[in-house]
């Protein structure tokens, strides 16, 4: 099972995050990189990232742009800008040689049936077009749950798009805060569409990104379920402070060894 850390542990210091990933024997998910609005900015961003990663030999994943974005918005200008950020993320991922891209969906829970219908139709339509570019890049994109209350929300999109290059990610911490279903229930629902996971802990009341050892999630049970379902997702420890991350990597490696994952 491939293990990654998130570069968010050191915010914008990608070089330091890559060094820590190497020290811990992990791969790296690049997060919070600056977006570019013109070719000069793009050239600068790409050059800086490549320089920071010059000594890193592990696999790369990219966490796509997400702040305030909604590719399914009924506001066409907002949707177009959000979709542009998706294409920019793909271009960035190709430039650095990443194999996986994670995207937030921008979904906000709302009970009105018209909203639900419009969101699904717009988001499905976007992915039916965008996935062609992801396929051409030979990258796997994954949809992450944030505020989604049940597995069905994102699973239905992936099933409708029906591409080997669009899969699913479970953020265990988000499930613990925003869903009444357990992480184990989400794992079973996603099945072979589960390609990627963000793991971190909390006490069910706030998305804290704590150590795996600090919260109400039982990661031994979670990974026993993964083994029972015969799954092997890429696992990213998305923990934002160094010492809790170090503790979590050691604990996760213990789980992997004891469960022969």
Protein backbone atom coordinates (compact mmCIF):
# COMPACT_ATOMS: atom_id res chain seq x y z
CA UNK A 1 0.00 0.00 0.00
CA UNK A 2 1.51 3.33 -1.08
CA UNK A 3 1.86 5.94 1.67
CA UNK A 4 2.11 9.71 1.13
CA UNK A 5 2.37 12.78 3.30
CA UNK A 6 0.80 16.11 2.38
CA UNK A 7 3.03 19.09 1.66
CA UNK A 8 0.57 21.11 3.78
CA UNK A 9 2.59 20.05 6.82
CA UNK A 10 4.95 22.89 5.92
CA UNK A 11 2.44 25.12 4.13
CA UNK A 12 4.31 26.65 1.17
CA UNK A 13 7.74 25.08 1.89
CA UNK A 14 7.58 22.26 -0.65
CA UNK A 15 11.31 21.53 -0.50
CA UNK A 16 11.12 20.94 3.25
CA UNK A 17 8.04 18.73 2.83
CA UNK A 18 9.79 16.66 0.15
CA UNK A 19 12.79 16.22 2.43
CA UNK A 20 10.55 15.00 5.26
CA UNK A 21 8.72 12.60 2.93
CA UNK A 22 12.05 11.09 1.92
CA UNK A 23 13.16 10.80 5.54
CA UNK A 24 9.92 9.02 6.46
CA UNK A 25 10.03 6.70 3.45
CA UNK A 26 6.84 8.20 2.01
CA UNK A 27 5.61 9.65 -1.26
CA UNK A 28 4.31 13.22 -1.47
CA UNK A 29 1.03 14.95 -2.25
CA UNK A 30 1.56 18.56 -3.37
CA UNK A 31 -1.00 20.93 -1.91
CA UNK A 32 -1.56 24.69 -1.78
CA UNK A 33 0.57 25.57 -4.78
CA UNK A 34 -0.01 29.03 -6.31
CA UNK A 35 -2.29 29.28 -9.34
CA UNK A 36 -1.09 31.10 -12.42
CA UNK A 37 -2.94 33.66 -14.51
CA UNK A 38 -0.51 34.02 -17.42
CA UNK A 39 2.40 32.23 -19.08
CA UNK A 40 5.06 34.09 -17.11
CA UNK A 41 3.49 33.12 -13.79
CA UNK A 42 3.10 29.56 -15.02
CA UNK A 43 6.75 29.37 -15.99
CA UNK A 44 7.77 30.71 -12.58
CA UNK A 45 5.53 28.31 -10.64
CA UNK A 46 6.68 25.27 -12.60
CA UNK A 47 10.36 26.20 -12.30
CA UNK A 48 10.12 26.74 -8.53
CA UNK A 49 8.32 23.45 -7.93
CA UNK A 50 10.72 21.47 -10.11
CA UNK A 51 13.65 23.03 -8.26
CA UNK A 52 12.13 22.18 -4.87
CA UNK A 53 11.59 18.58 -5.98
CA UNK A 54 14.97 18.10 -7.68
CA UNK A 55 16.19 15.64 -5.03
CA UNK A 56 12.85 13.86 -4.51
CA UNK A 57 12.47 10.42 -6.09
CA UNK A 58 9.12 9.29 -4.69
CA UNK A 59 5.74 9.30 -6.41
CA UNK A 60 3.77 12.53 -6.60
CA UNK A 61 0.08 13.25 -6.18
CA UNK A 62 -1.47 16.72 -6.58
CA UNK A 63 -4.26 18.23 -4.51
CA UNK A 64 -6.17 20.42 -6.96
CA UNK A 65 -7.26 24.00 -6.42
CA UNK A 66 -10.36 24.13 -4.26
CA UNK A 67 -10.96 27.41 -2.41
CA UNK A 68 -14.36 28.88 -3.30
CA UNK A 69 -14.62 26.81 -6.49
CA UNK A 70 -17.75 25.19 -7.89
CA UNK A 71 -17.47 23.71 -11.38
CA UNK A 72 -21.21 22.94 -11.27
CA UNK A 73 -22.36 26.43 -10.32
CA UNK A 74 -25.47 27.83 -12.04
CA UNK A 75 -23.50 31.08 -12.36
CA UNK A 76 -21.79 30.46 -15.71
CA UNK A 77 -18.87 32.80 -15.06
CA UNK A 78 -18.13 31.20 -11.70
CA UNK A 79 -18.43 27.74 -13.23
CA UNK A 80 -16.06 28.69 -16.06
CA UNK A 81 -13.43 30.04 -13.66
CA UNK A 82 -13.72 26.94 -11.47
CA UNK A 83 -13.36 24.71 -14.51
CA UNK A 84 -10.31 26.71 -15.62
CA UNK A 85 -8.67 25.93 -12.27
CA UNK A 86 -9.28 22.23 -12.94
CA UNK A 87 -7.50 22.47 -16.28
CA UNK A 88 -4.64 24.41 -14.67
CA UNK A 89 -4.30 21.73 -12.01
CA UNK A 90 -4.07 19.09 -14.70
CA UNK A 91 -1.41 21.10 -16.53
CA UNK A 92 0.55 21.47 -13.30
CA UNK A 93 0.28 17.76 -12.53
CA UNK A 94 1.58 16.87 -15.98
CA UNK A 95 4.47 19.31 -15.60
CA UNK A 96 5.67 17.74 -12.33
CA UNK A 97 4.98 14.14 -13.36
CA UNK A 98 2.22 13.41 -10.84
CA UNK A 99 0.20 10.24 -11.27
CA UNK A 100 -2.89 11.27 -9.29
CA UNK A 101 -4.95 14.46 -8.91
CA UNK A 102 -7.51 15.02 -6.19
CA UNK A 103 -10.41 17.44 -6.62
CA UNK A 104 -13.00 18.79 -4.20
CA UNK A 105 -16.45 18.78 -5.75
CA UNK A 106 -17.64 22.12 -4.40
CA UNK A 107 -20.85 20.47 -3.26
CA UNK A 108 -22.77 22.14 -0.43
CA UNK A 109 -25.59 20.13 1.18
CA UNK A 110 -28.99 21.61 0.41
CA UNK A 111 -32.30 19.85 0.62
CA UNK A 112 -34.10 21.50 -2.32
CA UNK A 113 -34.58 18.88 -5.08
CA UNK A 114 -34.00 21.40 -7.89
CA UNK A 115 -30.58 22.26 -6.48
CA UNK A 116 -29.62 18.60 -6.20
CA UNK A 117 -30.74 17.87 -9.74
CA UNK A 118 -29.00 20.89 -11.26
CA UNK A 119 -25.77 20.23 -9.36
CA UNK A 120 -25.57 16.60 -10.48
CA UNK A 121 -26.40 17.40 -14.10
CA UNK A 122 -23.87 20.25 -14.32
CA UNK A 123 -21.10 18.38 -12.54
CA UNK A 124 -21.64 15.24 -14.60
CA UNK A 125 -21.55 17.27 -17.82
CA UNK A 126 -18.29 18.93 -16.81
CA UNK A 127 -16.58 15.63 -16.02
CA UNK A 128 -17.77 13.93 -19.19
CA UNK A 129 -15.75 16.55 -21.08
CA UNK A 130 -12.83 17.09 -18.68
CA UNK A 131 -12.10 13.39 -18.20
CA UNK A 132 -10.98 13.15 -21.85
CA UNK A 133 -8.03 15.40 -21.03
CA UNK A 134 -7.27 13.44 -17.86
CA UNK A 135 -7.24 10.24 -19.89
CA UNK A 136 -4.91 11.75 -22.48
CA UNK A 137 -2.55 12.76 -19.67
CA UNK A 138 -2.61 9.18 -18.31
CA UNK A 139 -3.39 10.51 -14.84
CA UNK A 140 -6.05 9.25 -12.43
CA UNK A 141 -8.32 11.96 -11.00
CA UNK A 142 -10.21 11.32 -7.77
CA UNK A 143 -13.19 13.09 -6.20
CA UNK A 144 -12.92 13.82 -2.49
CA UNK A 145 -15.81 14.04 -0.05
CA UNK A 146 -15.90 17.22 1.99
CA UNK A 147 -19.46 18.16 2.99
CA UNK A 148 -21.05 15.16 1.23
CA UNK A 149 -23.29 13.34 3.68
CA UNK A 150 -23.35 9.95 1.95
CA UNK A 151 -21.18 7.92 -0.44
CA UNK A 152 -23.82 7.98 -3.16
CA UNK A 153 -23.27 11.66 -4.03
CA UNK A 154 -19.82 11.21 -5.60
CA UNK A 155 -20.23 7.55 -6.49
CA UNK A 156 -23.07 8.40 -8.87
CA UNK A 157 -20.86 10.87 -10.76
CA UNK A 158 -18.05 8.35 -11.18
CA UNK A 159 -20.44 5.64 -12.33
CA UNK A 160 -22.04 7.96 -14.89
CA UNK A 161 -18.72 9.18 -16.30
CA UNK A 162 -17.51 5.56 -16.42
CA UNK A 163 -13.79 6.13 -16.97
CA UNK A 164 -10.82 4.24 -15.53
CA UNK A 165 -9.26 7.68 -15.03
CA UNK A 166 -11.93 9.00 -12.67
CA UNK A 167 -12.11 7.33 -9.27
CA UNK A 168 -12.93 8.20 -5.68
CA UNK A 169 -11.15 9.35 -2.55
CA UNK A 170 -12.38 9.03 1.01
CA UNK A 171 -11.33 11.72 3.45
CA UNK A 172 -11.79 9.89 6.74
CA UNK A 173 -11.75 13.05 8.83
CA UNK A 174 -14.46 14.66 6.72
CA UNK A 175 -16.64 11.55 7.03
CA UNK A 176 -16.25 11.72 10.81
CA UNK A 177 -17.51 15.32 10.93
CA UNK A 178 -20.05 15.59 8.11
CA UNK A 179 -21.55 12.14 7.59
CA UNK A 180 -23.67 9.93 9.80
CA UNK A 181 -22.26 6.87 8.02
CA UNK A 182 -19.01 5.32 9.21
CA UNK A 183 -15.78 5.34 7.20
CA UNK A 184 -16.16 1.57 6.93
CA UNK A 185 -19.59 2.06 5.31
CA UNK A 186 -18.08 4.46 2.77
CA UNK A 187 -15.29 1.98 1.97
CA UNK A 188 -17.77 -0.80 1.29
CA UNK A 189 -19.99 1.48 -0.82
CA UNK A 190 -17.10 2.70 -2.97
CA UNK A 191 -15.59 -0.75 -3.48
CA UNK A 192 -13.21 -0.90 -6.44
CA UNK A 193 -13.79 2.79 -7.15
CA UNK A 194 -11.81 3.64 -4.00
CA UNK A 195 -8.40 4.71 -5.33
CA UNK A 196 -7.14 7.25 -2.78
CA UNK A 197 -7.65 8.18 0.90
CA UNK A 198 -6.87 11.13 3.12
CA UNK A 199 -6.42 10.01 6.70
CA UNK A 200 -6.32 12.21 9.81
CA UNK A 201 -8.33 12.22 13.02
CA UNK A 202 -10.72 14.44 14.94
CA UNK A 203 -13.43 14.16 17.60
CA UNK A 204 -16.38 14.44 15.21
CA UNK A 205 -17.01 18.14 15.79
CA UNK A 206 -14.35 19.89 13.71
CA UNK A 207 -12.09 19.10 10.75
CA UNK A 208 -8.92 19.33 12.84
CA UNK A 209 -6.46 17.16 10.85
CA UNK A 210 -5.07 15.71 14.08
CA UNK A 211 -2.73 12.77 14.57
CA UNK A 212 -4.20 9.35 13.79
CA UNK A 213 -3.84 8.66 17.51
CA UNK A 214 -5.94 11.65 18.62
CA UNK A 215 -9.66 11.39 17.88
CA UNK A 216 -12.63 9.07 17.62
CA UNK A 217 -11.68 7.28 14.38
CA UNK A 218 -10.29 3.75 14.79
CA UNK A 219 -7.80 3.33 11.97
CA UNK A 220 -7.05 -0.29 12.82
CA UNK A 221 -10.70 -1.15 12.12
CA UNK A 222 -10.74 1.04 9.02
CA UNK A 223 -7.77 -0.74 7.47
CA UNK A 224 -9.05 -4.16 8.49
CA UNK A 225 -12.13 -3.27 6.42
CA UNK A 226 -9.92 -2.23 3.50
CA UNK A 227 -8.14 -5.57 3.69
CA UNK A 228 -11.41 -7.49 3.94
CA UNK A 229 -12.70 -5.67 0.84
CA UNK A 230 -9.45 -6.54 -0.99
CA UNK A 231 -8.67 -2.88 -1.71
CA UNK A 232 -5.35 -1.04 -1.82
CA UNK A 233 -5.86 2.74 -2.13
CA UNK A 234 -3.08 5.28 -2.11
CA UNK A 235 -3.04 6.63 1.45
CA UNK A 236 -2.17 10.25 2.21
CA UNK A 237 -1.58 11.28 5.82
CA UNK A 238 -3.06 14.78 5.62
CA UNK A 239 -1.79 16.05 8.96
CA UNK A 240 -0.72 19.68 9.20
CA UNK A 241 1.84 19.63 12.04
CA UNK A 242 5.19 17.86 11.97
CA UNK A 243 5.25 15.98 15.28
CA UNK A 244 1.67 14.63 14.97
CA UNK A 245 2.56 13.60 11.42
CA UNK A 246 5.68 11.73 12.55
CA UNK A 247 3.65 9.97 15.24
CA UNK A 248 0.99 9.07 12.68
CA UNK A 249 3.43 7.67 10.12
CA UNK A 250 4.94 5.39 12.77
CA UNK A 251 1.47 4.27 13.90
CA UNK A 252 0.28 3.71 10.33
CA UNK A 253 3.33 1.63 9.46
CA UNK A 254 2.56 -0.49 12.54
CA UNK A 255 -1.01 -1.04 11.28
CA UNK A 256 0.29 -1.97 7.83
CA UNK A 257 2.78 -4.47 9.25
CA UNK A 258 0.39 -6.09 11.72
CA UNK A 259 -2.36 -6.46 9.12
CA UNK A 260 -0.03 -7.44 6.27
CA UNK A 261 -1.36 -4.72 4.00
